[in-house]
N, C-alpha and C. Protein backbone atom coordinates (compact mmCIF):
# COMPACT_ATOMS: atom_id res chain seq x y z
N MET A 1 12.46 -9.74 -10.80
CA MET A 1 12.02 -10.10 -9.24
C MET A 1 12.79 -8.88 -8.39
N TYR A 2 12.20 -8.28 -7.44
CA TYR A 2 12.95 -7.44 -6.65
C TYR A 2 12.81 -7.89 -5.24
N LYS A 3 13.95 -8.14 -4.47
CA LYS A 3 13.84 -8.91 -2.99
C LYS A 3 14.15 -7.64 -2.24
N VAL A 4 13.32 -7.56 -1.15
CA VAL A 4 13.25 -6.42 -0.06
C VAL A 4 14.27 -7.28 0.89
N PRO A 5 15.45 -6.56 1.29
CA PRO A 5 16.16 -7.53 2.36
C PRO A 5 15.48 -7.84 3.53
N ASN A 6 15.94 -8.80 4.44
CA ASN A 6 15.39 -9.39 5.33
C ASN A 6 15.36 -8.41 6.65
N GLY A 7 14.36 -8.23 7.53
CA GLY A 7 14.49 -7.45 8.60
C GLY A 7 13.08 -6.88 8.94
N PRO A 8 12.97 -6.04 9.83
CA PRO A 8 11.51 -5.46 9.92
C PRO A 8 11.22 -4.46 8.67
N THR A 9 9.99 -4.62 8.47
CA THR A 9 9.47 -3.84 7.07
C THR A 9 8.14 -3.24 7.55
N ALA A 10 7.91 -2.00 6.94
CA ALA A 10 6.86 -1.31 7.18
C ALA A 10 6.02 -0.74 5.85
N TYR A 11 4.79 -1.41 5.88
CA TYR A 11 4.04 -0.98 4.63
C TYR A 11 3.08 0.13 4.94
N ILE A 12 3.29 1.48 4.36
CA ILE A 12 2.75 2.43 4.66
C ILE A 12 1.65 3.01 3.34
N ASP A 13 0.52 3.53 3.50
CA ASP A 13 -0.30 3.90 2.62
C ASP A 13 0.13 5.38 2.12
N ILE A 14 -0.15 5.69 1.11
CA ILE A 14 0.09 7.11 0.63
C ILE A 14 -1.05 8.17 0.87
N ASP A 15 -2.32 7.86 0.45
CA ASP A 15 -3.35 8.53 0.43
C ASP A 15 -3.91 8.54 1.86
N ASP A 16 -4.19 9.94 2.68
CA ASP A 16 -4.90 10.15 3.68
C ASP A 16 -3.88 9.35 4.86
N THR A 17 -2.61 9.20 4.45
CA THR A 17 -1.76 8.70 5.45
C THR A 17 -0.36 9.67 5.52
N LEU A 18 0.06 9.67 4.49
CA LEU A 18 1.27 10.44 4.27
C LEU A 18 0.92 12.00 3.72
N ILE A 19 -0.10 12.16 2.86
CA ILE A 19 -0.73 13.40 2.37
C ILE A 19 -2.41 13.09 2.59
N GLN A 20 -3.00 14.16 2.73
CA GLN A 20 -4.58 14.21 3.08
C GLN A 20 -5.04 14.30 1.42
N TRP A 21 -5.72 13.42 1.00
CA TRP A 21 -6.26 13.37 -0.50
C TRP A 21 -7.34 14.40 -0.76
N ASN A 22 -8.11 15.13 0.27
CA ASN A 22 -8.90 16.00 0.14
C ASN A 22 -8.34 17.38 0.65
N PHE A 23 -8.55 18.39 -0.18
CA PHE A 23 -7.67 19.62 0.04
C PHE A 23 -8.27 20.00 1.38
N VAL A 24 -7.45 20.47 2.32
CA VAL A 24 -7.50 21.07 3.61
C VAL A 24 -7.23 22.50 3.64
N GLU A 25 -7.85 23.38 3.92
CA GLU A 25 -7.20 24.87 3.96
C GLU A 25 -7.00 25.23 5.39
N GLY A 26 -6.37 26.30 5.48
CA GLY A 26 -6.22 27.04 6.77
C GLY A 26 -4.70 26.76 7.37
N TYR A 27 -3.86 25.96 6.96
CA TYR A 27 -2.64 25.53 7.52
C TYR A 27 -1.61 26.27 6.76
N PRO A 28 -0.61 26.68 7.33
CA PRO A 28 0.57 27.35 6.97
C PRO A 28 1.13 26.74 5.46
N LYS A 29 1.66 27.52 4.65
CA LYS A 29 1.68 27.28 3.12
C LYS A 29 2.85 25.97 3.35
N ASP A 30 3.74 26.10 4.41
CA ASP A 30 5.02 24.83 4.50
C ASP A 30 4.26 23.56 4.76
N ASP A 31 2.94 23.60 5.10
CA ASP A 31 2.29 22.20 5.17
C ASP A 31 1.82 21.66 4.18
N TYR A 32 2.12 22.12 2.95
CA TYR A 32 1.68 21.66 1.65
C TYR A 32 2.80 21.26 0.66
N VAL A 33 2.19 20.36 -0.26
CA VAL A 33 3.28 20.03 -1.13
C VAL A 33 2.58 19.84 -2.47
N LEU A 34 3.25 20.39 -3.71
CA LEU A 34 2.94 20.13 -4.63
C LEU A 34 3.21 18.95 -5.50
N ILE A 35 2.33 18.06 -5.91
CA ILE A 35 2.45 16.66 -6.51
C ILE A 35 2.25 16.88 -8.09
N GLU A 36 3.03 16.40 -8.79
CA GLU A 36 3.03 16.21 -10.12
C GLU A 36 2.72 15.01 -10.73
N CYS A 37 1.56 14.56 -11.43
CA CYS A 37 1.53 13.11 -11.70
C CYS A 37 0.65 13.13 -12.80
N ARG A 38 0.90 12.50 -13.91
CA ARG A 38 -0.18 12.22 -14.97
C ARG A 38 -0.50 13.55 -15.64
N ASP A 39 0.30 14.63 -15.78
CA ASP A 39 0.13 15.76 -16.36
C ASP A 39 -0.92 16.78 -15.50
N ARG A 40 -0.93 16.48 -14.30
CA ARG A 40 -1.52 17.42 -13.45
C ARG A 40 -0.78 17.69 -12.08
N GLN A 41 -1.29 18.94 -11.78
CA GLN A 41 -0.31 19.56 -10.42
C GLN A 41 -1.50 19.57 -9.46
N GLU A 42 -1.25 19.37 -8.39
CA GLU A 42 -2.12 19.97 -7.19
C GLU A 42 -1.37 19.78 -5.86
N GLU A 43 -1.79 20.81 -4.98
CA GLU A 43 -1.34 20.67 -3.55
C GLU A 43 -2.05 19.88 -2.65
N TYR A 44 -1.31 19.12 -1.70
CA TYR A 44 -1.78 18.40 -0.91
C TYR A 44 -1.10 18.72 0.46
N LEU A 45 -2.07 18.58 1.65
CA LEU A 45 -1.54 18.92 2.92
C LEU A 45 -0.93 17.57 3.61
N ILE A 46 0.58 17.84 3.92
CA ILE A 46 1.38 16.73 4.37
C ILE A 46 0.69 16.56 5.84
N ASN A 47 0.88 15.07 5.86
CA ASN A 47 0.67 14.65 7.43
C ASN A 47 2.09 14.37 7.91
N ARG A 48 2.31 15.42 8.71
CA ARG A 48 3.71 15.70 8.95
C ARG A 48 4.08 14.47 10.25
N HIS A 49 3.17 14.15 11.08
CA HIS A 49 3.40 13.15 12.10
C HIS A 49 3.59 11.78 11.43
N ASN A 50 2.81 11.51 10.50
CA ASN A 50 3.13 10.11 9.87
C ASN A 50 4.55 10.18 8.73
N LEU A 51 4.60 11.29 8.37
CA LEU A 51 5.96 11.57 7.41
C LEU A 51 7.27 11.37 8.56
N GLU A 52 7.14 11.98 9.67
CA GLU A 52 8.30 11.81 10.56
C GLU A 52 8.23 10.24 11.21
N HIS A 53 7.28 9.78 11.43
CA HIS A 53 7.23 8.30 11.64
C HIS A 53 8.01 7.43 10.63
N LEU A 54 7.58 7.43 9.51
CA LEU A 54 8.18 6.98 8.29
C LEU A 54 9.97 7.15 8.28
N ILE A 55 10.23 8.36 8.48
CA ILE A 55 11.63 8.38 8.31
C ILE A 55 12.28 7.75 9.71
N LYS A 56 11.66 7.85 10.76
CA LYS A 56 12.04 7.17 11.98
C LYS A 56 12.29 5.65 11.94
N LEU A 57 11.49 5.25 11.01
CA LEU A 57 11.36 3.58 10.98
C LEU A 57 12.51 3.32 10.00
N SER A 58 12.67 4.01 8.99
CA SER A 58 13.96 3.99 8.06
C SER A 58 15.15 4.02 8.75
N ASN A 59 15.37 4.90 9.42
CA ASN A 59 16.73 5.30 10.06
C ASN A 59 16.75 4.21 11.27
N ARG A 60 15.76 3.66 11.65
CA ARG A 60 15.96 2.41 12.61
C ARG A 60 16.08 1.02 12.08
N GLY A 61 16.14 1.16 10.61
CA GLY A 61 16.44 -0.13 9.98
C GLY A 61 15.36 -0.81 9.40
N HIS A 62 14.16 -0.41 9.30
CA HIS A 62 13.11 -0.69 8.60
C HIS A 62 13.07 -0.70 7.19
N GLY A 63 12.72 -1.64 6.33
CA GLY A 63 12.39 -1.53 5.08
C GLY A 63 11.40 -0.99 4.87
N ILE A 64 11.01 0.34 4.04
CA ILE A 64 9.70 0.86 4.18
C ILE A 64 9.05 0.77 2.23
N ILE A 65 7.97 0.37 2.54
CA ILE A 65 7.21 -0.03 1.28
C ILE A 65 6.12 0.99 1.08
N VAL A 66 5.93 1.83 0.39
CA VAL A 66 4.72 2.69 0.53
C VAL A 66 3.77 2.20 -0.79
N TRP A 67 2.59 2.27 -0.68
CA TRP A 67 1.51 1.84 -1.72
C TRP A 67 0.65 3.07 -1.71
N SER A 68 -0.18 2.64 -2.92
CA SER A 68 -1.65 3.76 -3.05
C SER A 68 -2.30 3.07 -3.90
N ALA A 69 -3.84 3.30 -3.62
CA ALA A 69 -4.63 2.79 -4.59
C ALA A 69 -4.87 3.58 -5.94
N GLY A 70 -4.08 4.67 -5.68
CA GLY A 70 -3.78 5.49 -7.09
C GLY A 70 -2.80 5.02 -8.03
N GLY A 71 -2.16 3.72 -7.42
CA GLY A 71 -1.05 3.08 -8.33
C GLY A 71 0.28 3.50 -8.05
N SER A 72 1.38 2.87 -8.82
CA SER A 72 2.74 3.11 -8.25
C SER A 72 3.15 4.27 -8.89
N ASP A 73 2.74 4.88 -10.01
CA ASP A 73 3.09 6.15 -10.54
C ASP A 73 2.69 7.04 -9.54
N TRP A 74 1.62 7.08 -9.03
CA TRP A 74 0.94 8.05 -7.89
C TRP A 74 1.95 7.82 -6.72
N ALA A 75 2.25 6.93 -6.47
CA ALA A 75 2.99 6.88 -5.10
C ALA A 75 4.32 7.53 -5.31
N GLU A 76 4.86 6.94 -6.42
CA GLU A 76 6.32 7.17 -6.71
C GLU A 76 6.36 8.92 -6.88
N ALA A 77 5.26 9.43 -7.44
CA ALA A 77 5.22 11.00 -7.61
C ALA A 77 5.21 11.65 -6.16
N VAL A 78 4.27 11.13 -4.88
CA VAL A 78 4.34 11.77 -3.74
C VAL A 78 5.59 11.47 -2.96
N VAL A 79 6.30 10.29 -3.15
CA VAL A 79 7.72 10.19 -2.70
C VAL A 79 8.44 11.22 -3.02
N LYS A 80 8.67 11.46 -4.45
CA LYS A 80 9.55 12.47 -4.80
C LYS A 80 8.96 13.82 -4.41
N GLY A 81 7.50 14.01 -4.41
CA GLY A 81 7.12 15.38 -3.90
C GLY A 81 7.52 15.84 -2.53
N LEU A 82 7.46 14.73 -1.86
CA LEU A 82 7.84 14.69 -0.28
C LEU A 82 9.26 14.78 -0.05
N GLY A 83 10.20 14.49 -0.98
CA GLY A 83 11.44 14.36 -0.99
C GLY A 83 12.08 13.15 -0.10
N ILE A 84 11.24 12.17 0.11
CA ILE A 84 11.76 11.13 0.98
C ILE A 84 12.45 9.86 0.05
N GLU A 85 12.61 9.98 -1.05
CA GLU A 85 13.37 8.96 -1.76
C GLU A 85 14.30 8.13 -1.07
N LYS A 86 15.15 8.45 -0.45
CA LYS A 86 16.20 7.82 0.50
C LYS A 86 15.81 7.00 1.43
N TYR A 87 14.51 7.31 1.98
CA TYR A 87 13.98 6.45 3.16
C TYR A 87 12.97 5.36 2.66
N VAL A 88 12.68 5.42 1.53
CA VAL A 88 11.75 4.49 0.75
C VAL A 88 12.25 3.43 0.00
N ASP A 89 12.04 2.29 0.17
CA ASP A 89 12.63 1.06 -0.64
C ASP A 89 11.99 0.69 -1.71
N VAL A 90 10.54 0.73 -1.53
CA VAL A 90 9.68 0.26 -2.62
C VAL A 90 8.45 1.09 -2.74
N VAL A 91 7.94 1.19 -4.09
CA VAL A 91 6.37 1.91 -4.24
C VAL A 91 5.87 0.89 -4.82
N ALA A 92 4.49 0.82 -4.77
CA ALA A 92 3.80 -0.07 -5.16
C ALA A 92 2.35 0.37 -5.25
N PRO A 93 1.47 -0.23 -6.26
CA PRO A 93 0.33 -0.03 -6.37
C PRO A 93 -0.66 -0.77 -4.87
N LYS A 94 -1.89 -0.45 -4.64
CA LYS A 94 -2.43 -1.21 -3.42
C LYS A 94 -2.51 -2.54 -3.86
N ALA A 95 -2.61 -3.47 -3.06
CA ALA A 95 -2.81 -4.99 -3.31
C ALA A 95 -3.96 -5.21 -3.37
N THR A 96 -4.41 -6.02 -4.57
CA THR A 96 -5.73 -6.40 -4.69
C THR A 96 -5.98 -7.88 -4.17
N TYR A 97 -5.02 -8.58 -3.92
CA TYR A 97 -5.21 -9.71 -3.08
C TYR A 97 -4.04 -9.91 -1.99
N TYR A 98 -4.39 -10.41 -0.86
CA TYR A 98 -3.42 -10.76 0.09
C TYR A 98 -3.72 -12.09 0.70
N ILE A 99 -2.79 -12.90 0.76
CA ILE A 99 -3.03 -14.23 1.13
C ILE A 99 -1.99 -14.48 2.22
N ASP A 100 -2.55 -15.06 3.30
CA ASP A 100 -1.47 -15.35 4.88
C ASP A 100 -2.03 -16.32 5.47
N ASP A 101 -0.98 -17.31 5.75
CA ASP A 101 -1.16 -18.24 6.95
C ASP A 101 -2.40 -19.15 6.86
N ILE A 102 -3.10 -19.46 5.82
CA ILE A 102 -4.07 -20.58 6.07
C ILE A 102 -3.61 -21.69 5.06
N LYS A 103 -2.72 -22.78 5.70
CA LYS A 103 -2.35 -23.91 5.05
C LYS A 103 -3.46 -24.70 4.37
N ASP A 104 -4.38 -24.95 5.04
CA ASP A 104 -5.48 -26.14 4.58
C ASP A 104 -6.80 -25.27 4.64
N PRO A 105 -7.34 -24.41 3.68
CA PRO A 105 -8.51 -23.52 3.83
C PRO A 105 -9.76 -24.23 4.07
N ALA A 106 -9.71 -25.63 3.31
CA ALA A 106 -10.86 -26.27 3.45
C ALA A 106 -11.11 -26.74 4.89
N ARG A 107 -10.13 -27.21 5.64
CA ARG A 107 -10.03 -27.48 7.13
C ARG A 107 -10.36 -26.32 7.89
N VAL A 108 -9.80 -25.23 7.81
CA VAL A 108 -10.13 -24.04 8.49
C VAL A 108 -11.57 -23.39 8.23
N LEU A 109 -11.83 -23.31 7.17
CA LEU A 109 -12.98 -22.69 6.57
C LEU A 109 -14.14 -23.43 6.48
N GLY A 110 -13.81 -24.97 6.32
CA GLY A 110 -15.06 -25.88 5.78
C GLY A 110 -15.11 -26.12 4.28
N LYS A 111 -15.40 -24.87 3.70
CA LYS A 111 -15.52 -24.78 2.27
C LYS A 111 -15.02 -23.39 1.66
N TYR A 112 -14.59 -23.33 0.64
CA TYR A 112 -14.22 -21.89 0.18
C TYR A 112 -14.37 -21.68 -1.23
N ALA A 113 -14.60 -20.53 -1.75
CA ALA A 113 -14.13 -20.32 -3.36
C ALA A 113 -13.61 -18.87 -3.40
N PHE A 114 -12.99 -18.62 -4.52
CA PHE A 114 -12.55 -17.41 -5.06
C PHE A 114 -12.38 -17.45 -6.34
N TYR A 115 -12.45 -16.44 -6.76
CA TYR A 115 -12.13 -16.19 -8.27
C TYR A 115 -10.82 -15.54 -8.71
N ASP A 116 -10.16 -16.02 -9.63
CA ASP A 116 -8.90 -15.48 -9.97
C ASP A 116 -9.24 -14.22 -10.92
N ILE A 117 -7.71 -13.63 -11.17
CA ILE A 117 -7.86 -12.25 -12.09
C ILE A 117 -8.84 -12.73 -13.47
N ASP A 118 -8.81 -13.80 -13.81
CA ASP A 118 -9.50 -13.91 -15.29
C ASP A 118 -11.16 -14.44 -14.97
N GLY A 119 -11.31 -14.41 -13.68
CA GLY A 119 -12.79 -14.73 -13.43
C GLY A 119 -12.97 -16.24 -13.25
N LYS A 120 -12.05 -17.03 -13.34
CA LYS A 120 -12.27 -18.48 -13.08
C LYS A 120 -12.61 -18.82 -11.50
N ARG A 121 -13.54 -19.71 -11.46
CA ARG A 121 -13.78 -20.18 -9.96
C ARG A 121 -12.91 -21.16 -9.36
N HIS A 122 -12.40 -21.21 -8.14
CA HIS A 122 -11.53 -22.00 -7.67
C HIS A 122 -12.08 -22.33 -6.28
N GLY A 123 -12.26 -23.43 -5.82
CA GLY A 123 -12.61 -23.70 -4.65
C GLY A 123 -12.95 -25.31 -3.90
N TYR A 124 -13.30 -25.27 -2.97
CA TYR A 124 -13.43 -26.70 -2.37
C TYR A 124 -14.70 -26.82 -1.27
N ALA A 125 -15.22 -28.09 -1.64
CA ALA A 125 -16.52 -28.29 -0.83
C ALA A 125 -16.24 -29.70 -0.14
N PRO A 126 -16.76 -29.96 0.86
CA PRO A 126 -16.61 -31.34 1.61
C PRO A 126 -17.03 -32.31 0.39
N LYS A 127 -16.69 -33.54 0.47
CA LYS A 127 -17.06 -34.73 -0.84
C LYS A 127 -18.53 -34.86 -0.73
N GLU A 128 -19.47 -34.74 0.44
CA GLU A 128 -20.66 -35.08 0.26
C GLU A 128 -21.32 -33.81 -0.48
N GLU A 129 -21.02 -32.61 -0.20
CA GLU A 129 -21.51 -31.54 -1.05
C GLU A 129 -21.40 -31.41 -2.49
N GLU A 130 -20.14 -31.97 -2.85
CA GLU A 130 -19.69 -32.08 -4.20
C GLU A 130 -20.44 -33.27 -5.07
N GLU A 131 -20.98 -34.17 -4.37
CA GLU A 131 -21.56 -34.98 -5.04
C GLU A 131 -23.05 -34.93 -5.08
N ASN A 132 -23.60 -33.89 -4.38
CA ASN A 132 -25.11 -33.59 -4.52
C ASN A 132 -25.28 -32.50 -5.61
């Protein structure tokens, strides 16, 4: 298990946040970065505003976690391609689940159901509905 140090933490997406996923033409050559990942090389437009913001947050003591729907290998390749390894603490795939602050979902939501990664149903319904 890896423990991120306590303190302010920023979670920053890679795709269409630090780099533009779709190739955009017409910018100066310095605004593009060559990313190599999974035996593929492509140029991407750098979003300098968001990149500078990430660096400022890191310099001000924020832990930086970057993530991508393309997975942690892709996120790592972009971080290395941008040369920002010293500012990033963690690279991760996009979260598939996010659970926060519902202490008693049945009380808050009335009834609920979710399916775990194996497709098993978990849930709760009030007693009168369970008996029917």
